[in-house]
PDB file of N, CA and C in Angstrom:
ATOM      1  N   MET A   1      27.236  -7.013  16.740  1.00  0.00           N
ATOM      2  CA  MET A   1      27.262  -7.079  15.376  1.00  0.00           C
ATOM      3  C   MET A   1      26.610  -8.402  14.213  1.00  0.00           C
ATOM      4  N   LYS A   2      27.268  -9.462  15.102  1.00  0.00           N
ATOM      5  CA  LYS A   2      26.473 -10.706  14.676  1.00  0.00           C
ATOM      6  C   LYS A   2      25.080 -10.624  14.257  1.00  0.00           C
ATOM      7  N   ASN A   3      24.622 -10.551  15.592  1.00  0.00           N
ATOM      8  CA  ASN A   3      23.142 -10.254  15.665  1.00  0.00           C
ATOM      9  C   ASN A   3      22.504  -9.361  14.457  1.00  0.00           C
ATOM     10  N   ILE A   4      22.941  -8.444  14.421  1.00  0.00           N
ATOM     11  CA  ILE A   4      22.524  -7.260  13.063  1.00  0.00           C
ATOM     12  C   ILE A   4      22.378  -8.193  11.778  1.00  0.00           C
ATOM     13  N   LEU A   5      23.650  -8.948  11.393  1.00  0.00           N
ATOM     14  CA  LEU A   5      23.695  -9.561  10.108  1.00  0.00           C
ATOM     15  C   LEU A   5      22.843 -10.619  10.343  1.00  0.00           C
ATOM     16  N   VAL A   6      22.220 -11.478  11.118  1.00  0.00           N
ATOM     17  CA  VAL A   6      21.445 -12.202  11.273  1.00  0.00           C
ATOM     18  C   VAL A   6      20.045 -11.652  11.111  1.00  0.00           C
ATOM     19  N   ILE A   7      19.775 -10.926  11.694  1.00  0.00           N
ATOM     20  CA  ILE A   7      18.419 -10.370  11.578  1.00  0.00           C
ATOM     21  C   ILE A   7      18.186  -9.670   9.988  1.00  0.00           C
ATOM     22  N   ILE A   8      19.309  -8.835   9.564  1.00  0.00           N
ATOM     23  CA  ILE A   8      19.129  -8.414   8.110  1.00  0.00           C
ATOM     24  C   ILE A   8      19.009  -9.376   7.083  1.00  0.00           C
ATOM     25  N   ALA A   9      19.429 -10.651   7.330  1.00  0.00           N
ATOM     26  CA  ALA A   9      19.457 -11.577   6.203  1.00  0.00           C
ATOM     27  C   ALA A   9      18.219 -12.454   6.602  1.00  0.00           C
ATOM     28  N   ALA A  10      17.684 -12.650   7.656  1.00  0.00           N
ATOM     29  CA  ALA A  10      16.504 -13.124   7.772  1.00  0.00           C
ATOM     30  C   ALA A  10      15.421 -12.166   7.221  1.00  0.00           C
ATOM     31  N   THR A  11      15.494 -10.927   7.619  1.00  0.00           N
ATOM     32  CA  THR A  11      14.519 -10.348   6.678  1.00  0.00           C
ATOM     33  C   THR A  11      14.396 -10.521   5.383  1.00  0.00           C
ATOM     34  N   MET A  12      15.625 -10.272   4.610  1.00  0.00           N
ATOM     35  CA  MET A  12      15.878 -10.257   3.290  1.00  0.00           C
ATOM     36  C   MET A  12      15.303 -11.643   2.758  1.00  0.00           C
ATOM     37  N   ALA A  13      15.757 -12.420   3.665  1.00  0.00           N
ATOM     38  CA  ALA A  13      15.211 -14.084   2.886  1.00  0.00           C
ATOM     39  C   ALA A  13      13.989 -14.085   3.201  1.00  0.00           C
ATOM     40  N   LEU A  14      13.414 -13.466   3.749  1.00  0.00           N
ATOM     41  CA  LEU A  14      11.588 -13.459   4.042  1.00  0.00           C
ATOM     42  C   LEU A  14      10.846 -12.419   3.231  1.00  0.00           C
ATOM     43  N   ALA A  15      11.452 -11.664   2.571  1.00  0.00           N
ATOM     44  CA  ALA A  15      10.883 -10.707   1.534  1.00  0.00           C
ATOM     45  C   ALA A  15       9.880 -11.507   0.087  1.00  0.00           C
ATOM     46  N   ALA A  16       9.013 -11.164   0.112  1.00  0.00           N
ATOM     47  CA  ALA A  16       8.453 -11.871  -1.128  1.00  0.00           C
ATOM     48  C   ALA A  16       8.189 -11.217  -2.394  1.00  0.00           C
ATOM     49  N   CYS A  17       7.282 -11.463  -3.025  1.00  0.00           N
ATOM     50  CA  CYS A  17       7.660 -10.668  -4.778  1.00  0.00           C
ATOM     51  C   CYS A  17       6.633  -9.571  -4.956  1.00  0.00           C
ATOM     52  N   THR A  18       5.689  -9.054  -3.480  1.00  0.00           N
ATOM     53  CA  THR A  18       4.817  -8.258  -4.135  1.00  0.00           C
ATOM     54  C   THR A  18       5.491  -6.886  -3.721  1.00  0.00           C
ATOM     55  N   THR A  19       5.112  -5.798  -3.973  1.00  0.00           N
ATOM     56  CA  THR A  19       5.501  -4.384  -3.570  1.00  0.00           C
ATOM     57  C   THR A  19       5.621  -4.249  -2.153  1.00  0.00           C
ATOM     58  N   ALA A  20       4.228  -4.470  -1.873  1.00  0.00           N
ATOM     59  CA  ALA A  20       4.343  -4.052  -0.349  1.00  0.00           C
ATOM     60  C   ALA A  20       5.152  -4.878   0.471  1.00  0.00           C
ATOM     61  N   GLU A  21       5.419  -5.899   0.185  1.00  0.00           N
ATOM     62  CA  GLU A  21       5.915  -7.132   1.063  1.00  0.00           C
ATOM     63  C   GLU A  21       7.776  -6.659   0.745  1.00  0.00           C
ATOM     64  N   ARG A  22       8.050  -5.986  -0.251  1.00  0.00           N
ATOM     65  CA  ARG A  22       9.389  -5.394  -0.555  1.00  0.00           C
ATOM     66  C   ARG A  22       9.465  -4.182  -0.006  1.00  0.00           C
ATOM     67  N   ASP A  23       8.572  -3.364   0.465  1.00  0.00           N
ATOM     68  CA  ASP A  23       8.703  -2.410   0.961  1.00  0.00           C
ATOM     69  C   ASP A  23       8.990  -2.329   2.463  1.00  0.00           C
ATOM     70  N   ALA A  24       8.152  -3.866   3.008  1.00  0.00           N
ATOM     71  CA  ALA A  24       8.004  -4.141   4.630  1.00  0.00           C
ATOM     72  C   ALA A  24       9.630  -4.199   4.680  1.00  0.00           C
ATOM     73  N   ALA A  25       9.976  -5.315   4.050  1.00  0.00           N
ATOM     74  CA  ALA A  25      11.370  -6.147   3.838  1.00  0.00           C
ATOM     75  C   ALA A  25      12.245  -4.994   4.226  1.00  0.00           C
ATOM     76  N   THR A  26      12.434  -4.219   3.157  1.00  0.00           N
ATOM     77  CA  THR A  26      13.556  -2.908   3.186  1.00  0.00           C
ATOM     78  C   THR A  26      13.095  -2.013   4.199  1.00  0.00           C
ATOM     79  N   GLY A  27      12.228  -1.620   4.631  1.00  0.00           N
ATOM     80  CA  GLY A  27      12.066  -0.783   5.757  1.00  0.00           C
ATOM     81  C   GLY A  27      12.675  -1.587   7.403  1.00  0.00           C
ATOM     82  N   GLY A  28      12.172  -2.874   7.126  1.00  0.00           N
ATOM     83  CA  GLY A  28      12.704  -3.792   7.950  1.00  0.00           C
ATOM     84  C   GLY A  28      13.948  -3.867   8.496  1.00  0.00           C
ATOM     85  N   ALA A  29      14.836  -4.199   7.297  1.00  0.00           N
ATOM     86  CA  ALA A  29      15.958  -4.189   7.202  1.00  0.00           C
ATOM     87  C   ALA A  29      16.870  -2.869   7.628  1.00  0.00           C
ATOM     88  N   ILE A  30      16.305  -1.779   7.338  1.00  0.00           N
ATOM     89  CA  ILE A  30      16.978  -0.392   7.503  1.00  0.00           C
ATOM     90  C   ILE A  30      16.658  -0.021   9.285  1.00  0.00           C
ATOM     91  N   GLY A  31      15.464  -0.616   9.453  1.00  0.00           N
ATOM     92  CA  GLY A  31      14.984  -0.362  10.916  1.00  0.00           C
ATOM     93  C   GLY A  31      16.007  -1.282  11.534  1.00  0.00           C
ATOM     94  N   ALA A  32      16.122  -2.465  11.507  1.00  0.00           N
ATOM     95  CA  ALA A  32      16.959  -3.173  12.068  1.00  0.00           C
ATOM     96  C   ALA A  32      18.511  -2.680  12.532  1.00  0.00           C
ATOM     97  N   ALA A  33      19.024  -2.157  11.382  1.00  0.00           N
ATOM     98  CA  ALA A  33      20.508  -2.017  11.205  1.00  0.00           C
ATOM     99  C   ALA A  33      20.242  -0.608  11.973  1.00  0.00           C
ATOM    100  N   ALA A  34      19.388   0.294  12.026  1.00  0.00           N
ATOM    101  CA  ALA A  34      19.135   1.548  12.804  1.00  0.00           C
ATOM    102  C   ALA A  34      19.003   1.277  14.455  1.00  0.00           C
ATOM    103  N   GLY A  35      18.285   0.111  14.785  1.00  0.00           N
ATOM    104  CA  GLY A  35      18.054   0.146  16.278  1.00  0.00           C
ATOM    105  C   GLY A  35      19.234  -0.512  16.808  1.00  0.00           C
ATOM    106  N   ALA A  36      19.935  -1.401  15.777  1.00  0.00           N
ATOM    107  CA  ALA A  36      21.087  -2.080  16.645  1.00  0.00           C
ATOM    108  C   ALA A  36      22.323  -1.118  16.538  1.00  0.00           C
ATOM    109  N   ILE A  37      22.454  -0.303  15.776  1.00  0.00           N
ATOM    110  CA  ILE A  37      23.551   1.036  15.809  1.00  0.00           C
ATOM    111  C   ILE A  37      23.265   1.658  17.098  1.00  0.00           C
ATOM    112  N   ALA A  38      21.781   2.137  17.138  1.00  0.00           N
ATOM    113  CA  ALA A  38      21.516   3.233  18.511  1.00  0.00           C
ATOM    114  C   ALA A  38      21.505   2.298  19.609  1.00  0.00           C
ATOM    115  N   THR A  39      21.478   0.808  19.668  1.00  0.00           N
ATOM    116  CA  THR A  39      21.327   0.392  21.272  1.00  0.00           C
ATOM    117  C   THR A  39      22.733  -0.376  21.306  1.00  0.00           C
ATOM    118  N   GLY A  40      23.800   0.060  20.386  1.00  0.00           N
ATOM    119  CA  GLY A  40      25.101  -0.551  20.534  1.00  0.00           C
ATOM    120  C   GLY A  40      25.130  -2.156  20.232  1.00  0.00           C
ATOM    121  N   GLY A  41      24.270  -2.474  19.041  1.00  0.00           N
ATOM    122  CA  GLY A  41      24.575  -4.138  18.689  1.00  0.00           C
ATOM    123  C   GLY A  41      23.431  -4.914  19.609  1.00  0.00           C
ATOM    124  N   LYS A  42      22.705  -4.451  20.187  1.00  0.00           N
ATOM    125  CA  LYS A  42      21.952  -5.226  21.132  1.00  0.00           C
ATOM    126  C   LYS A  42      20.774  -5.895  20.290  1.00  0.00           C
ATOM    127  N   ALA A  43      20.250  -7.141  20.373  1.00  0.00           N
ATOM    128  CA  ALA A  43      19.300  -7.618  19.783  1.00  0.00           C
ATOM    129  C   ALA A  43      17.715  -6.851  19.980  1.00  0.00           C
ATOM    130  N   GLY A  44      17.601  -6.418  21.006  1.00  0.00           N
ATOM    131  CA  GLY A  44      16.432  -5.847  21.245  1.00  0.00           C
ATOM    132  C   GLY A  44      16.112  -4.816  20.371  1.00  0.00           C
ATOM    133  N   GLY A  45      17.086  -4.105  20.611  1.00  0.00           N
ATOM    134  CA  GLY A  45      16.895  -2.425  19.713  1.00  0.00           C
ATOM    135  C   GLY A  45      16.794  -2.981  17.955  1.00  0.00           C
ATOM    136  N   ALA A  46      17.464  -3.896  17.661  1.00  0.00           N
ATOM    137  CA  ALA A  46      17.271  -4.667  15.979  1.00  0.00           C
ATOM    138  C   ALA A  46      15.830  -5.037  15.885  1.00  0.00           C
ATOM    139  N   ILE A  47      15.404  -5.573  17.110  1.00  0.00           N
ATOM    140  CA  ILE A  47      14.209  -6.119  16.755  1.00  0.00           C
ATOM    141  C   ILE A  47      13.097  -5.096  16.670  1.00  0.00           C
ATOM    142  N   ALA A  48      12.871  -4.221  17.675  1.00  0.00           N
ATOM    143  CA  ALA A  48      12.258  -2.875  17.416  1.00  0.00           C
ATOM    144  C   ALA A  48      12.258  -2.187  16.403  1.00  0.00           C
ATOM    145  N   GLY A  49      13.584  -1.819  15.838  1.00  0.00           N
ATOM    146  CA  GLY A  49      13.913  -1.300  14.854  1.00  0.00           C
ATOM    147  C   GLY A  49      13.274  -1.989  13.815  1.00  0.00           C
ATOM    148  N   ALA A  50      13.639  -3.151  13.588  1.00  0.00           N
ATOM    149  CA  ALA A  50      12.822  -3.868  12.078  1.00  0.00           C
ATOM    150  C   ALA A  50      11.324  -3.864  12.345  1.00  0.00           C
ATOM    151  N   ALA A  51      10.414  -3.984  13.477  1.00  0.00           N
ATOM    152  CA  ALA A  51       9.226  -3.710  13.346  1.00  0.00           C
ATOM    153  C   ALA A  51       8.582  -2.172  12.934  1.00  0.00           C
ATOM    154  N   ILE A  52       9.550  -1.598  13.488  1.00  0.00           N
ATOM    155  CA  ILE A  52       8.870  -0.050  13.310  1.00  0.00           C
ATOM    156  C   ILE A  52       9.276   0.372  11.716  1.00  0.00           C
ATOM    157  N   GLY A  53      10.458  -0.332  11.302  1.00  0.00           N
ATOM    158  CA  GLY A  53      10.998   0.128  10.050  1.00  0.00           C
ATOM    159  C   GLY A  53       9.631  -0.840   9.001  1.00  0.00           C
ATOM    160  N   ALA A  54       9.335  -1.895   8.892  1.00  0.00           N
ATOM    161  CA  ALA A  54       8.655  -2.529   8.455  1.00  0.00           C
ATOM    162  C   ALA A  54       7.299  -1.823   8.260  1.00  0.00           C
ATOM    163  N   VAL A  55       7.021  -1.353   9.079  1.00  0.00           N
ATOM    164  CA  VAL A  55       5.616  -0.759   9.259  1.00  0.00           C
ATOM    165  C   VAL A  55       5.835   0.546   8.683  1.00  0.00           C
ATOM    166  N   SER A  56       6.667   1.426   8.743  1.00  0.00           N
ATOM    167  CA  SER A  56       7.012   2.340   8.064  1.00  0.00           C
ATOM    168  C   SER A  56       7.353   2.350   6.411  1.00  0.00           C
ATOM    169  N   GLY A  57       7.809   1.046   6.457  1.00  0.00           N
ATOM    170  CA  GLY A  57       7.872   0.607   4.936  1.00  0.00           C
ATOM    171  C   GLY A  57       6.904   0.646   3.869  1.00  0.00           C
ATOM    172  N   VAL A  58       5.855  -0.053   4.773  1.00  0.00           N
ATOM    173  CA  VAL A  58       4.627  -0.354   3.923  1.00  0.00           C
ATOM    174  C   VAL A  58       3.962   0.879   3.833  1.00  0.00           C
ATOM    175  N   LEU A  59       3.871   1.766   5.054  1.00  0.00           N
ATOM    176  CA  LEU A  59       2.927   3.258   5.061  1.00  0.00           C
ATOM    177  C   LEU A  59       3.413   4.065   3.721  1.00  0.00           C
ATOM    178  N   ILE A  60       4.742   3.988   4.027  1.00  0.00           N
ATOM    179  CA  ILE A  60       5.611   5.192   3.057  1.00  0.00           C
ATOM    180  C   ILE A  60       5.257   4.589   1.614  1.00  0.00           C
ATOM    181  N   GLY A  61       5.383   3.225   1.267  1.00  0.00           N
ATOM    182  CA  GLY A  61       5.436   2.381  -0.077  1.00  0.00           C
ATOM    183  C   GLY A  61       3.915   2.916  -0.644  1.00  0.00           C
ATOM    184  N   ARG A  62       3.074   2.524   0.193  1.00  0.00           N
ATOM    185  CA  ARG A  62       1.418   2.714  -0.091  1.00  0.00           C
ATOM    186  C   ARG A  62       1.395   4.383  -0.510  1.00  0.00           C
ATOM    187  N   ALA A  63       1.579   5.281   0.261  1.00  0.00           N
ATOM    188  CA  ALA A  63       1.644   6.702   0.066  1.00  0.00           C
ATOM    189  C   ALA A  63       2.162   6.800  -1.206  1.00  0.00           C
ATOM    190  N   THR A  64       3.234   6.476  -1.663  1.00  0.00           N
ATOM    191  CA  THR A  64       3.906   7.071  -3.048  1.00  0.00           C
ATOM    192  C   THR A  64       3.294   6.344  -4.230  1.00  0.00           C
ATOM    193  N   ARG A  65       2.912   5.076  -4.029  1.00  0.00           N
ATOM    194  CA  ARG A  65       2.134   4.152  -5.523  1.00  0.00           C
ATOM    195  C   ARG A  65       0.598   4.251  -5.220  1.00  0.00           C
ATOM    196  N   ARG A  66      -0.058   5.267  -4.709  1.00  0.00           N
ATOM    197  CA  ARG A  66      -1.485   5.163  -4.740  1.00  0.00           C
ATOM    198  C   ARG A  66      -2.175   4.995  -5.868  1.00  0.00           C
ATOM    199  N   GLY A  67      -3.097   4.414  -5.913  1.00  0.00           N
ATOM    200  CA  GLY A  67      -3.909   4.076  -7.183  1.00  0.00           C
ATOM    201  C   GLY A  67      -3.511   3.090  -8.075  1.00  0.00           C
ATOM    202  N   ASP A  68      -2.280   2.380  -8.119  1.00  0.00           N
ATOM    203  CA  ASP A  68      -1.644   1.367  -8.885  1.00  0.00           C
ATOM    204  C   ASP A  68      -1.738   0.110  -8.201  1.00  0.00           C
ATOM    205  N   CYS A  69      -2.164  -1.065  -8.996  1.00  0.00           N
ATOM    206  CA  CYS A  69      -2.307  -2.345  -7.954  1.00  0.00           C
ATOM    207  C   CYS A  69      -1.482  -3.057  -9.252  1.00  0.00           C
ATOM    208  N   VAL A  70      -1.024  -4.160  -8.557  1.00  0.00           N
ATOM    209  CA  VAL A  70       0.020  -5.180  -9.607  1.00  0.00           C
ATOM    210  C   VAL A  70      -0.943  -6.253  -9.680  1.00  0.00           C
ATOM    211  N   TYR A  71      -1.284  -6.851 -10.937  1.00  0.00           N
ATOM    212  CA  TYR A  71      -1.981  -8.013 -11.083  1.00  0.00           C
ATOM    213  C   TYR A  71      -1.299  -8.936 -12.152  1.00  0.00           C
ATOM    214  N   ARG A  72      -1.869 -10.459 -11.941  1.00  0.00           N
ATOM    215  CA  ARG A  72      -1.178 -11.532 -12.784  1.00  0.00           C
ATOM    216  C   ARG A  72      -2.342 -12.011 -13.736  1.00  0.00           C
ATOM    217  N   ASP A  73      -1.858 -12.223 -15.108  1.00  0.00           N
ATOM    218  CA  ASP A  73      -2.372 -12.741 -15.846  1.00  0.00           C
ATOM    219  C   ASP A  73      -2.776 -13.925 -15.849  1.00  0.00           C
ATOM    220  N   ARG A  74      -3.299 -14.718 -16.574  1.00  0.00           N
ATOM    221  CA  ARG A  74      -3.709 -16.412 -16.428  1.00  0.00           C
ATOM    222  C   ARG A  74      -2.407 -16.924 -17.014  1.00  0.00           C
ATOM    223  N   TYR A  75      -1.334 -16.229 -17.532  1.00  0.00           N
ATOM    224  CA  TYR A  75      -0.284 -17.144 -17.481  1.00  0.00           C
ATOM    225  C   TYR A  75       0.964 -16.598 -16.588  1.00  0.00           C
ATOM    226  N   GLY A  76       0.663 -16.360 -15.637  1.00  0.00           N
ATOM    227  CA  GLY A  76       1.536 -15.535 -14.546  1.00  0.00           C
ATOM    228  C   GLY A  76       2.368 -14.189 -14.980  1.00  0.00           C
ATOM    229  N   ARG A  77       2.230 -13.627 -15.796  1.00  0.00           N
ATOM    230  CA  ARG A  77       2.580 -12.376 -16.038  1.00  0.00           C
ATOM    231  C   ARG A  77       2.098 -11.255 -15.466  1.00  0.00           C
ATOM    232  N   ARG A  78       2.936 -10.294 -14.690  1.00  0.00           N
ATOM    233  CA  ARG A  78       2.549  -9.461 -14.045  1.00  0.00           C
ATOM    234  C   ARG A  78       2.414  -8.077 -14.789  1.00  0.00           C
ATOM    235  N   TYR A  79       1.133  -7.465 -14.196  1.00  0.00           N
ATOM    236  CA  TYR A  79       0.965  -6.298 -15.215  1.00  0.00           C
ATOM    237  C   TYR A  79       0.609  -5.158 -14.106  1.00  0.00           C
ATOM    238  N   ILE A  80       0.390  -3.941 -14.315  1.00  0.00           N
ATOM    239  CA  ILE A  80      -0.074  -2.866 -13.290  1.00  0.00           C
ATOM    240  C   ILE A  80      -1.101  -2.123 -14.040  1.00  0.00           C
ATOM    241  N   ALA A  81      -2.080  -1.822 -13.308  1.00  0.00           N
ATOM    242  CA  ALA A  81      -3.434  -1.271 -13.895  1.00  0.00           C
ATOM    243  C   ALA A  81      -3.914  -0.217 -12.650  1.00  0.00           C
ATOM    244  N   ARG A  82      -4.845   0.307 -12.834  1.00  0.00           N
ATOM    245  CA  ARG A  82      -5.560   1.209 -11.724  1.00  0.00           C
ATOM    246  C   ARG A  82      -5.992   0.189 -10.777  1.00  0.00           C
ATOM    247  N   CYS A  83      -6.251   0.558  -9.445  1.00  0.00           N
ATOM    248  CA  CYS A  83      -6.781  -0.353  -8.674  1.00  0.00           C
ATOM    249  C   CYS A  83      -8.576  -0.224  -8.287  1.00  0.00           C
ATOM    250  N   PRO A  84      -9.087  -1.081  -8.088  1.00  0.00           N
ATOM    251  CA  PRO A  84     -10.399  -0.779  -7.891  1.00  0.00           C
ATOM    252  C   PRO A  84     -11.018   0.373  -7.044  1.00  0.00           C
ATOM    253  N   ALA A  85     -12.132   0.839  -7.037  1.00  0.00           N
ATOM    254  CA  ALA A  85     -12.512   2.115  -6.404  1.00  0.00           C
ATOM    255  C   ALA A  85     -12.464   1.420  -5.003  1.00  0.00           C
ATOM    256  N   GLY A  86     -11.757   2.231  -3.767  1.00  0.00           N
ATOM    257  CA  GLY A  86     -11.711   2.033  -2.491  1.00  0.00           C
ATOM    258  C   GLY A  86     -10.382   1.276  -2.054  1.00  0.00           C
ATOM    259  N   TYR A  87      -9.542   1.293  -3.072  1.00  0.00           N
ATOM    260  CA  TYR A  87      -8.364   0.649  -2.693  1.00  0.00           C
ATOM    261  C   TYR A  87      -7.066   2.002  -2.223  1.00  0.00           C
TER     262      TYR A  87
END
């Protein structure tokens, strides 16, 4: 159980401010918890679950927000606008 908490805390601490990175961190935390539960608290299951969850979180997040990108103006304020063609 201690391994699970350490991995979840590390995953959330490394989470950055962009939407894709938040999706990856959330997916990684959920995957780590699920992997640890499925393997009886072993670190290997938590690590595998975190990796699978992070990839899934990014892919699911990208699919639900297709077409919108987050930008920053010259004052550092964030705003959302349509992505350029091809994104």
